[in-house]
Amino acid sequence: MAIASLVLGIAGWIVCGLGSVLAIVFGFIAQGQIRQSQGRQGGEGMAKAGIILGFIGVALIAVYFVIVVAVSASNST
């Protein structure tokens, strides 16, 4: 799950944001599994990186849509 979160966090920047949302979800699931394993599983850093990249991807998509709406509103007047 941690590896999937990291890969989707990176791919989310390429694939229209769906990967970013999945990276966040998988990252939190992975962190929960790692904590419950009591040290038997690793990957906390990868899960955290996937979550961070996912949130950055979602934020960039939100900024992109705000800019698109502002530009289209200014062009319609």
PDB file of N, CA and C in Angstrom:
ATOM      1  N   MET A   1       0.829  -1.196   0.000  1.00  0.00           N
ATOM      2  CA  MET A   1       0.000   0.000   0.000  1.00  0.00           C
ATOM      3  C   MET A   1       0.871   1.256   0.000  1.00  0.00           C
ATOM      4  N   ALA A   2       1.964   1.222   0.744  1.00  0.00           N
ATOM      5  CA  ALA A   2       2.845   2.391   0.793  1.00  0.00           C
ATOM      6  C   ALA A   2       3.473   2.646  -0.572  1.00  0.00           C
ATOM      7  N   ILE A   3       3.898   1.592  -1.236  1.00  0.00           N
ATOM      8  CA  ILE A   3       4.486   1.744  -2.568  1.00  0.00           C
ATOM      9  C   ILE A   3       3.436   2.251  -3.550  1.00  0.00           C
ATOM     10  N   ALA A   4       2.225   1.718  -3.463  1.00  0.00           N
ATOM     11  CA  ALA A   4       1.144   2.176  -4.339  1.00  0.00           C
ATOM     12  C   ALA A   4       0.851   3.647  -4.103  1.00  0.00           C
ATOM     13  N   SER A   5       0.877   4.077  -2.855  1.00  0.00           N
ATOM     14  CA  SER A   5       0.634   5.480  -2.532  1.00  0.00           C
ATOM     15  C   SER A   5       1.695   6.371  -3.159  1.00  0.00           C
ATOM     16  N   LEU A   6       2.950   5.960  -3.034  1.00  0.00           N
ATOM     17  CA  LEU A   6       4.041   6.758  -3.599  1.00  0.00           C
ATOM     18  C   LEU A   6       3.956   6.810  -5.121  1.00  0.00           C
ATOM     19  N   VAL A   7       3.724   5.673  -5.753  1.00  0.00           N
ATOM     20  CA  VAL A   7       3.639   5.631  -7.216  1.00  0.00           C
ATOM     21  C   VAL A   7       2.454   6.464  -7.706  1.00  0.00           C
ATOM     22  N   LEU A   8       1.308   6.332  -7.049  1.00  0.00           N
ATOM     23  CA  LEU A   8       0.146   7.116  -7.467  1.00  0.00           C
ATOM     24  C   LEU A   8       0.331   8.599  -7.182  1.00  0.00           C
ATOM     25  N   GLY A   9       1.067   8.927  -6.128  1.00  0.00           N
ATOM     26  CA  GLY A   9       1.364  10.330  -5.856  1.00  0.00           C
ATOM     27  C   GLY A   9       2.175  10.958  -6.974  1.00  0.00           C
ATOM     28  N   ILE A  10       3.120  10.189  -7.490  1.00  0.00           N
ATOM     29  CA  ILE A  10       3.926  10.685  -8.614  1.00  0.00           C
ATOM     30  C   ILE A  10       3.093  10.691  -9.891  1.00  0.00           C
ATOM     31  N   ALA A  11       2.356   9.618 -10.130  1.00  0.00           N
ATOM     32  CA  ALA A  11       1.554   9.506 -11.351  1.00  0.00           C
ATOM     33  C   ALA A  11       0.372  10.469 -11.343  1.00  0.00           C
ATOM     34  N   GLY A  12      -0.075  10.872 -10.174  1.00  0.00           N
ATOM     35  CA  GLY A  12      -1.209  11.785 -10.074  1.00  0.00           C
ATOM     36  C   GLY A  12      -0.941  13.124 -10.728  1.00  0.00           C
ATOM     37  N   TRP A  13       0.319  13.483 -10.837  1.00  0.00           N
ATOM     38  CA  TRP A  13       0.672  14.740 -11.490  1.00  0.00           C
ATOM     39  C   TRP A  13       0.517  14.611 -12.992  1.00  0.00           C
ATOM     40  N   ILE A  14       0.521  13.387 -13.486  1.00  0.00           N
ATOM     41  CA  ILE A  14       0.442  13.143 -14.920  1.00  0.00           C
ATOM     42  C   ILE A  14      -0.994  12.813 -15.341  1.00  0.00           C
ATOM     43  N   VAL A  15      -1.712  12.073 -14.504  1.00  0.00           N
ATOM     44  CA  VAL A  15      -3.015  11.520 -14.861  1.00  0.00           C
ATOM     45  C   VAL A  15      -4.140  12.311 -14.198  1.00  0.00           C
ATOM     46  N   CYS A  16      -4.294  13.530 -14.518  1.00  0.00           N
ATOM     47  CA  CYS A  16      -5.441  14.367 -14.167  1.00  0.00           C
ATOM     48  C   CYS A  16      -5.935  14.266 -12.726  1.00  0.00           C
ATOM     49  N   GLY A  17      -5.106  13.971 -11.788  1.00  0.00           N
ATOM     50  CA  GLY A  17      -5.488  14.075 -10.395  1.00  0.00           C
ATOM     51  C   GLY A  17      -6.134  12.869  -9.761  1.00  0.00           C
ATOM     52  N   LEU A  18      -6.621  11.923 -10.540  1.00  0.00           N
ATOM     53  CA  LEU A  18      -7.220  10.737  -9.936  1.00  0.00           C
ATOM     54  C   LEU A  18      -6.182   9.988  -9.110  1.00  0.00           C
ATOM     55  N   GLY A  19      -4.981   9.921  -9.617  1.00  0.00           N
ATOM     56  CA  GLY A  19      -3.897   9.271  -8.880  1.00  0.00           C
ATOM     57  C   GLY A  19      -3.585   9.977  -7.587  1.00  0.00           C
ATOM     58  N   SER A  20      -3.727  11.295  -7.553  1.00  0.00           N
ATOM     59  CA  SER A  20      -3.456  12.059  -6.336  1.00  0.00           C
ATOM     60  C   SER A  20      -4.439  11.703  -5.231  1.00  0.00           C
ATOM     61  N   VAL A  21      -5.691  11.590  -5.577  1.00  0.00           N
ATOM     62  CA  VAL A  21      -6.710  11.235  -4.587  1.00  0.00           C
ATOM     63  C   VAL A  21      -6.469   9.814  -4.079  1.00  0.00           C
ATOM     64  N   LEU A  22      -6.171   8.894  -4.983  1.00  0.00           N
ATOM     65  CA  LEU A  22      -5.895   7.516  -4.577  1.00  0.00           C
ATOM     66  C   LEU A  22      -4.623   7.423  -3.747  1.00  0.00           C
ATOM     67  N   ALA A  23      -3.633   8.258  -4.040  1.00  0.00           N
ATOM     68  CA  ALA A  23      -2.401   8.272  -3.252  1.00  0.00           C
ATOM     69  C   ALA A  23      -2.680   8.654  -1.806  1.00  0.00           C
ATOM     70  N   ILE A  24      -3.559   9.618  -1.609  1.00  0.00           N
ATOM     71  CA  ILE A  24      -3.919  10.032  -0.255  1.00  0.00           C
ATOM     72  C   ILE A  24      -4.617   8.886   0.478  1.00  0.00           C
ATOM     73  N   VAL A  25      -5.574   8.268  -0.186  1.00  0.00           N
ATOM     74  CA  VAL A  25      -6.331   7.175   0.437  1.00  0.00           C
ATOM     75  C   VAL A  25      -5.407   6.006   0.764  1.00  0.00           C
ATOM     76  N   PHE A  26      -4.617   5.560  -0.211  1.00  0.00           N
ATOM     77  CA  PHE A  26      -3.722   4.428   0.015  1.00  0.00           C
ATOM     78  C   PHE A  26      -2.664   4.751   1.060  1.00  0.00           C
ATOM     79  N   GLY A  27      -2.202   5.993   1.082  1.00  0.00           N
ATOM     80  CA  GLY A  27      -1.197   6.389   2.067  1.00  0.00           C
ATOM     81  C   GLY A  27      -1.714   6.287   3.489  1.00  0.00           C
ATOM     82  N   PHE A  28      -2.941   6.748   3.717  1.00  0.00           N
ATOM     83  CA  PHE A  28      -3.502   6.650   5.064  1.00  0.00           C
ATOM     84  C   PHE A  28      -3.800   5.198   5.441  1.00  0.00           C
ATOM     85  N   ILE A  29      -4.240   4.396   4.484  1.00  0.00           N
ATOM     86  CA  ILE A  29      -4.464   2.971   4.757  1.00  0.00           C
ATOM     87  C   ILE A  29      -3.135   2.300   5.102  1.00  0.00           C
ATOM     88  N   ALA A  30      -2.102   2.610   4.341  1.00  0.00           N
ATOM     89  CA  ALA A  30      -0.782   2.024   4.587  1.00  0.00           C
ATOM     90  C   ALA A  30      -0.253   2.426   5.962  1.00  0.00           C
ATOM     91  N   GLN A  31      -0.417   3.684   6.333  1.00  0.00           N
ATOM     92  CA  GLN A  31       0.049   4.114   7.648  1.00  0.00           C
ATOM     93  C   GLN A  31      -0.672   3.360   8.756  1.00  0.00           C
ATOM     94  N   GLY A  32      -1.963   3.145   8.604  1.00  0.00           N
ATOM     95  CA  GLY A  32      -2.709   2.388   9.594  1.00  0.00           C
ATOM     96  C   GLY A  32      -2.225   0.948   9.697  1.00  0.00           C
ATOM     97  N   GLN A  33      -1.972   0.329   8.550  1.00  0.00           N
ATOM     98  CA  GLN A  33      -1.487  -1.049   8.549  1.00  0.00           C
ATOM     99  C   GLN A  33      -0.094  -1.148   9.170  1.00  0.00           C
ATOM    100  N   ILE A  34       0.753  -0.169   8.888  1.00  0.00           N
ATOM    101  CA  ILE A  34       2.109  -0.177   9.428  1.00  0.00           C
ATOM    102  C   ILE A  34       2.070  -0.012  10.941  1.00  0.00           C
ATOM    103  N   ARG A  35       1.229   0.859  11.432  1.00  0.00           N
ATOM    104  CA  ARG A  35       1.115   1.046  12.879  1.00  0.00           C
ATOM    105  C   ARG A  35       0.561  -0.199  13.568  1.00  0.00           C
ATOM    106  N   GLN A  36      -0.409  -0.861  12.940  1.00  0.00           N
ATOM    107  CA  GLN A  36      -0.997  -2.059  13.533  1.00  0.00           C
ATOM    108  C   GLN A  36      -0.040  -3.248  13.518  1.00  0.00           C
ATOM    109  N   SER A  37       0.933  -3.239  12.611  1.00  0.00           N
ATOM    110  CA  SER A  37       1.857  -4.365  12.510  1.00  0.00           C
ATOM    111  C   SER A  37       2.903  -4.361  13.616  1.00  0.00           C
ATOM    112  N   GLN A  38       2.997  -3.312  14.367  1.00  0.00           N
ATOM    113  CA  GLN A  38       3.935  -3.179  15.488  1.00  0.00           C
ATOM    114  C   GLN A  38       5.376  -3.474  15.086  1.00  0.00           C
ATOM    115  N   GLY A  39       5.802  -2.875  13.990  1.00  0.00           N
ATOM    116  CA  GLY A  39       7.187  -2.986  13.556  1.00  0.00           C
ATOM    117  C   GLY A  39       7.477  -4.098  12.568  1.00  0.00           C
ATOM    118  N   ARG A  40       6.513  -4.937  12.256  1.00  0.00           N
ATOM    119  CA  ARG A  40       6.748  -6.023  11.294  1.00  0.00           C
ATOM    120  C   ARG A  40       6.742  -5.521   9.855  1.00  0.00           C
ATOM    121  N   GLN A  41       6.050  -4.424   9.597  1.00  0.00           N
ATOM    122  CA  GLN A  41       6.004  -3.851   8.247  1.00  0.00           C
ATOM    123  C   GLN A  41       6.714  -2.509   8.245  1.00  0.00           C
ATOM    124  N   GLY A  42       7.317  -2.208   7.118  1.00  0.00           N
ATOM    125  CA  GLY A  42       7.981  -0.920   6.942  1.00  0.00           C
ATOM    126  C   GLY A  42       7.265  -0.105   5.879  1.00  0.00           C
ATOM    127  N   GLY A  43       7.832   1.016   5.530  1.00  0.00           N
ATOM    128  CA  GLY A  43       7.280   1.830   4.462  1.00  0.00           C
ATOM    129  C   GLY A  43       6.592   3.091   4.931  1.00  0.00           C
ATOM    130  N   GLU A  44       6.790   3.470   6.187  1.00  0.00           N
ATOM    131  CA  GLU A  44       6.147   4.676   6.720  1.00  0.00           C
ATOM    132  C   GLU A  44       6.544   5.908   5.903  1.00  0.00           C
ATOM    133  N   GLY A  45       7.817   5.980   5.519  1.00  0.00           N
ATOM    134  CA  GLY A  45       8.284   7.126   4.740  1.00  0.00           C
ATOM    135  C   GLY A  45       7.656   7.187   3.359  1.00  0.00           C
ATOM    136  N   MET A  46       7.520   6.037   2.718  1.00  0.00           N
ATOM    137  CA  MET A  46       6.892   6.002   1.394  1.00  0.00           C
ATOM    138  C   MET A  46       5.421   6.387   1.483  1.00  0.00           C
ATOM    139  N   ALA A  47       4.747   5.915   2.510  1.00  0.00           N
ATOM    140  CA  ALA A  47       3.340   6.266   2.692  1.00  0.00           C
ATOM    141  C   ALA A  47       3.193   7.769   2.914  1.00  0.00           C
ATOM    142  N   LYS A  48       4.069   8.324   3.741  1.00  0.00           N
ATOM    143  CA  LYS A  48       4.012   9.757   4.022  1.00  0.00           C
ATOM    144  C   LYS A  48       4.312  10.572   2.764  1.00  0.00           C
ATOM    145  N   ALA A  49       5.299  10.125   1.984  1.00  0.00           N
ATOM    146  CA  ALA A  49       5.627  10.815   0.736  1.00  0.00           C
ATOM    147  C   ALA A  49       4.456  10.755  -0.244  1.00  0.00           C
ATOM    148  N   GLY A  50       3.789   9.610  -0.327  1.00  0.00           N
ATOM    149  CA  GLY A  50       2.626   9.477  -1.198  1.00  0.00           C
ATOM    150  C   GLY A  50       1.501  10.406  -0.786  1.00  0.00           C
ATOM    151  N   ILE A  51       1.277  10.523   0.532  1.00  0.00           N
ATOM    152  CA  ILE A  51       0.239  11.433   1.035  1.00  0.00           C
ATOM    153  C   ILE A  51       0.578  12.879   0.694  1.00  0.00           C
ATOM    154  N   ILE A  52       1.821  13.253   0.912  1.00  0.00           N
ATOM    155  CA  ILE A  52       2.242  14.634   0.630  1.00  0.00           C
ATOM    156  C   ILE A  52       2.118  14.940  -0.856  1.00  0.00           C
ATOM    157  N   LEU A  53       2.611  14.037  -1.702  1.00  0.00           N
ATOM    158  CA  LEU A  53       2.501  14.248  -3.149  1.00  0.00           C
ATOM    159  C   LEU A  53       1.043  14.285  -3.593  1.00  0.00           C
ATOM    160  N   GLY A  54       0.209  13.468  -2.967  1.00  0.00           N
ATOM    161  CA  GLY A  54      -1.217  13.476  -3.285  1.00  0.00           C
ATOM    162  C   GLY A  54      -1.869  14.798  -2.955  1.00  0.00           C
ATOM    163  N   PHE A  55      -1.573  15.331  -1.763  1.00  0.00           N
ATOM    164  CA  PHE A  55      -2.150  16.621  -1.386  1.00  0.00           C
ATOM    165  C   PHE A  55      -1.638  17.751  -2.285  1.00  0.00           C
ATOM    166  N   ILE A  56      -0.368  17.703  -2.652  1.00  0.00           N
ATOM    167  CA  ILE A  56       0.169  18.721  -3.568  1.00  0.00           C
ATOM    168  C   ILE A  56      -0.531  18.621  -4.923  1.00  0.00           C
ATOM    169  N   GLY A  57      -0.738  17.407  -5.408  1.00  0.00           N
ATOM    170  CA  GLY A  57      -1.430  17.216  -6.682  1.00  0.00           C
ATOM    171  C   GLY A  57      -2.853  17.740  -6.645  1.00  0.00           C
ATOM    172  N   VAL A  58      -3.579  17.461  -5.562  1.00  0.00           N
ATOM    173  CA  VAL A  58      -4.951  17.958  -5.424  1.00  0.00           C
ATOM    174  C   VAL A  58      -4.964  19.483  -5.368  1.00  0.00           C
ATOM    175  N   ALA A  59      -4.006  20.068  -4.632  1.00  0.00           N
ATOM    176  CA  ALA A  59      -3.934  21.530  -4.536  1.00  0.00           C
ATOM    177  C   ALA A  59      -3.641  22.155  -5.899  1.00  0.00           C
ATOM    178  N   LEU A  60      -2.741  21.552  -6.657  1.00  0.00           N
ATOM    179  CA  LEU A  60      -2.424  22.094  -7.984  1.00  0.00           C
ATOM    180  C   LEU A  60      -3.621  22.001  -8.925  1.00  0.00           C
ATOM    181  N   ILE A  61      -4.381  20.934  -8.821  1.00  0.00           N
ATOM    182  CA  ILE A  61      -5.580  20.801  -9.654  1.00  0.00           C
ATOM    183  C   ILE A  61      -6.597  21.870  -9.274  1.00  0.00           C
ATOM    184  N   ALA A  62      -6.756  22.120  -7.979  1.00  0.00           N
ATOM    185  CA  ALA A  62      -7.694  23.148  -7.525  1.00  0.00           C
ATOM    186  C   ALA A  62      -7.268  24.524  -8.027  1.00  0.00           C
ATOM    187  N   VAL A  63      -5.976  24.828  -7.942  1.00  0.00           N
ATOM    188  CA  VAL A  63      -5.472  26.118  -8.436  1.00  0.00           C
ATOM    189  C   VAL A  63      -5.686  26.224  -9.944  1.00  0.00           C
ATOM    190  N   TYR A  64      -5.453  25.135 -10.661  1.00  0.00           N
ATOM    191  CA  TYR A  64      -5.651  25.136 -12.106  1.00  0.00           C
ATOM    192  C   TYR A  64      -7.101  25.471 -12.457  1.00  0.00           C
ATOM    193  N   PHE A  65      -8.055  24.834 -11.763  1.00  0.00           N
ATOM    194  CA  PHE A  65      -9.463  25.094 -12.057  1.00  0.00           C
ATOM    195  C   PHE A  65      -9.871  26.523 -11.690  1.00  0.00           C
ATOM    196  N   VAL A  66      -9.316  27.068 -10.618  1.00  0.00           N
ATOM    197  CA  VAL A  66      -9.608  28.458 -10.258  1.00  0.00           C
ATOM    198  C   VAL A  66      -9.099  29.397 -11.350  1.00  0.00           C
ATOM    199  N   ILE A  67      -7.909  29.129 -11.856  1.00  0.00           N
ATOM    200  CA  ILE A  67      -7.346  29.972 -12.918  1.00  0.00           C
ATOM    201  C   ILE A  67      -8.179  29.854 -14.194  1.00  0.00           C
ATOM    202  N   VAL A  68      -8.589  28.639 -14.538  1.00  0.00           N
ATOM    203  CA  VAL A  68      -9.404  28.432 -15.744  1.00  0.00           C
ATOM    204  C   VAL A  68     -10.725  29.189 -15.622  1.00  0.00           C
ATOM    205  N   VAL A  69     -11.365  29.105 -14.472  1.00  0.00           N
ATOM    206  CA  VAL A  69     -12.627  29.804 -14.269  1.00  0.00           C
ATOM    207  C   VAL A  69     -12.422  31.325 -14.326  1.00  0.00           C
ATOM    208  N   ALA A  70     -11.347  31.816 -13.721  1.00  0.00           N
ATOM    209  CA  ALA A  70     -11.098  33.257 -13.731  1.00  0.00           C
ATOM    210  C   ALA A  70     -10.803  33.756 -15.148  1.00  0.00           C
ATOM    211  N   VAL A  71     -10.046  33.002 -15.905  1.00  0.00           N
ATOM    212  CA  VAL A  71      -9.726  33.404 -17.280  1.00  0.00           C
ATOM    213  C   VAL A  71     -10.963  33.358 -18.146  1.00  0.00           C
ATOM    214  N   SER A  72     -11.771  32.316 -17.999  1.00  0.00           N
ATOM    215  CA  SER A  72     -12.983  32.221 -18.827  1.00  0.00           C
ATOM    216  C   SER A  72     -13.996  33.291 -18.441  1.00  0.00           C
ATOM    217  N   ALA A  73     -14.047  33.675 -17.185  1.00  0.00           N
ATOM    218  CA  ALA A  73     -14.952  34.734 -16.759  1.00  0.00           C
ATOM    219  C   ALA A  73     -14.510  36.084 -17.304  1.00  0.00           C
ATOM    220  N   SER A  74     -13.203  36.307 -17.326  1.00  0.00           N
ATOM    221  CA  SER A  74     -12.715  37.586 -17.843  1.00  0.00           C
ATOM    222  C   SER A  74     -12.827  37.668 -19.358  1.00  0.00           C
ATOM    223  N   ASN A  75     -12.782  36.541 -20.044  1.00  0.00           N
ATOM    224  CA  ASN A  75     -12.909  36.533 -21.500  1.00  0.00           C
ATOM    225  C   ASN A  75     -14.365  36.670 -21.945  1.00  0.00           C
ATOM    226  N   SER A  76     -15.309  36.319 -21.110  1.00  0.00           N
ATOM    227  CA  SER A  76     -16.714  36.368 -21.502  1.00  0.00           C
ATOM    228  C   SER A  76     -17.296  37.779 -21.372  1.00  0.00           C
ATOM    229  N   THR A  77     -16.598  38.668 -20.704  1.00  0.00           N
ATOM    230  CA  THR A  77     -17.112  40.048 -20.574  1.00  0.00           C
ATOM    231  C   THR A  77     -16.660  40.954 -21.660  1.00  0.00           C
TER     232      THR A  77
END
